[in-house]
Amino acid sequence: MSGQGSTGNIIAAICNIFFPGLGQLIQGRLGAAIIFAIVCVGGYALWWLVIPAIIAGIFHLWSILDAATYKNHD
């Protein structure tokens, strides 16, 4: 990935729309991918408690923005 706003980052952000953490996995950031996936899937699974679903929604949006604005610091 070359930098913020690059085509690779946009593709990663689009992947995150469908499954949280997938974009980070595409970017090679396994730790962030696992955290976003667990929090979002767990929160959405507990939707009837409302608060976990709200937290999951916030993390889902955060994962999309994180993938879109990621800068590789090589």
Protein backbone atom coordinates (compact mmCIF):
# COMPACT_ATOMS: atom_id res chain seq x y z
CA MET A 1 0.00 0.00 0.00
CA SER A 2 1.45 3.32 -0.96
CA GLY A 3 -0.31 5.81 1.27
CA GLN A 4 -3.42 7.49 2.55
CA GLY A 5 -6.17 7.60 -0.07
CA SER A 6 -4.42 5.16 -2.39
CA THR A 7 -6.37 2.66 -4.48
CA GLY A 8 -5.31 -0.15 -2.16
CA ASN A 9 -6.68 1.69 0.84
CA ILE A 10 -9.98 2.35 -0.92
CA ILE A 11 -10.30 -1.34 -1.78
CA ALA A 12 -9.52 -2.24 1.84
CA ALA A 13 -12.18 0.21 3.07
CA ILE A 14 -14.75 -1.32 0.70
CA CYS A 15 -13.86 -4.80 2.00
CA ASN A 16 -14.49 -3.54 5.54
CA ILE A 17 -18.01 -2.53 4.58
CA PHE A 18 -18.84 -6.19 3.98
CA PHE A 19 -16.84 -7.71 6.86
CA PRO A 20 -15.11 -5.65 9.57
CA GLY A 21 -11.38 -6.36 9.71
CA LEU A 22 -11.09 -7.76 6.19
CA GLY A 23 -9.52 -4.53 4.92
CA GLN A 24 -6.89 -4.58 7.65
CA LEU A 25 -6.17 -8.22 6.77
CA ILE A 26 -5.66 -7.22 3.13
CA GLN A 27 -3.25 -4.50 4.30
CA GLY A 28 -1.29 -7.10 6.27
CA ARG A 29 -2.30 -5.90 9.75
CA LEU A 30 -3.39 -9.13 11.41
CA GLY A 31 -3.74 -7.75 14.95
CA ALA A 32 -6.05 -4.91 13.95
CA ALA A 33 -8.07 -7.26 11.74
CA ILE A 34 -8.67 -9.69 14.59
CA ILE A 35 -9.65 -6.97 17.06
CA PHE A 36 -12.10 -5.27 14.67
CA ALA A 37 -13.64 -8.61 13.65
CA ILE A 38 -14.11 -9.88 17.22
CA VAL A 39 -15.58 -6.64 18.57
CA CYS A 40 -17.93 -6.15 15.63
CA VAL A 41 -19.14 -9.73 15.28
CA GLY A 42 -19.53 -10.09 19.04
CA GLY A 43 -21.39 -6.80 19.33
CA TYR A 44 -23.70 -7.56 16.44
CA ALA A 45 -24.38 -11.03 17.90
CA LEU A 46 -25.58 -9.34 21.10
CA TRP A 47 -27.85 -6.90 19.25
CA TRP A 48 -30.74 -7.34 21.71
CA LEU A 49 -28.66 -5.72 24.47
CA VAL A 50 -28.46 -2.52 22.35
CA ILE A 51 -25.24 -1.12 23.87
CA PRO A 52 -22.97 -3.85 22.38
CA ALA A 53 -24.63 -3.28 18.99
CA ILE A 54 -23.95 0.45 19.21
CA ILE A 55 -20.33 -0.21 20.15
CA ALA A 56 -20.04 -2.69 17.26
CA GLY A 57 -21.45 -0.09 14.85
CA ILE A 58 -18.92 2.47 16.01
CA PHE A 59 -16.08 -0.05 15.64
CA HIS A 60 -17.38 -1.00 12.18
CA LEU A 61 -17.23 2.62 11.03
CA TRP A 62 -13.83 3.00 12.67
CA SER A 63 -12.50 -0.05 10.79
CA ILE A 64 -13.63 1.45 7.48
CA LEU A 65 -12.00 4.81 8.22
CA ASP A 66 -8.87 3.14 9.57
CA ALA A 67 -8.40 1.15 6.38
CA ALA A 68 -9.04 4.17 4.17
CA THR A 69 -6.58 6.44 5.98
CA TYR A 70 -3.81 3.91 6.74
CA LYS A 71 -0.25 5.03 6.00
CA ASN A 72 2.43 2.38 5.75
CA HIS A 73 5.49 3.47 7.75
CA ASP A 74 8.18 1.33 6.10
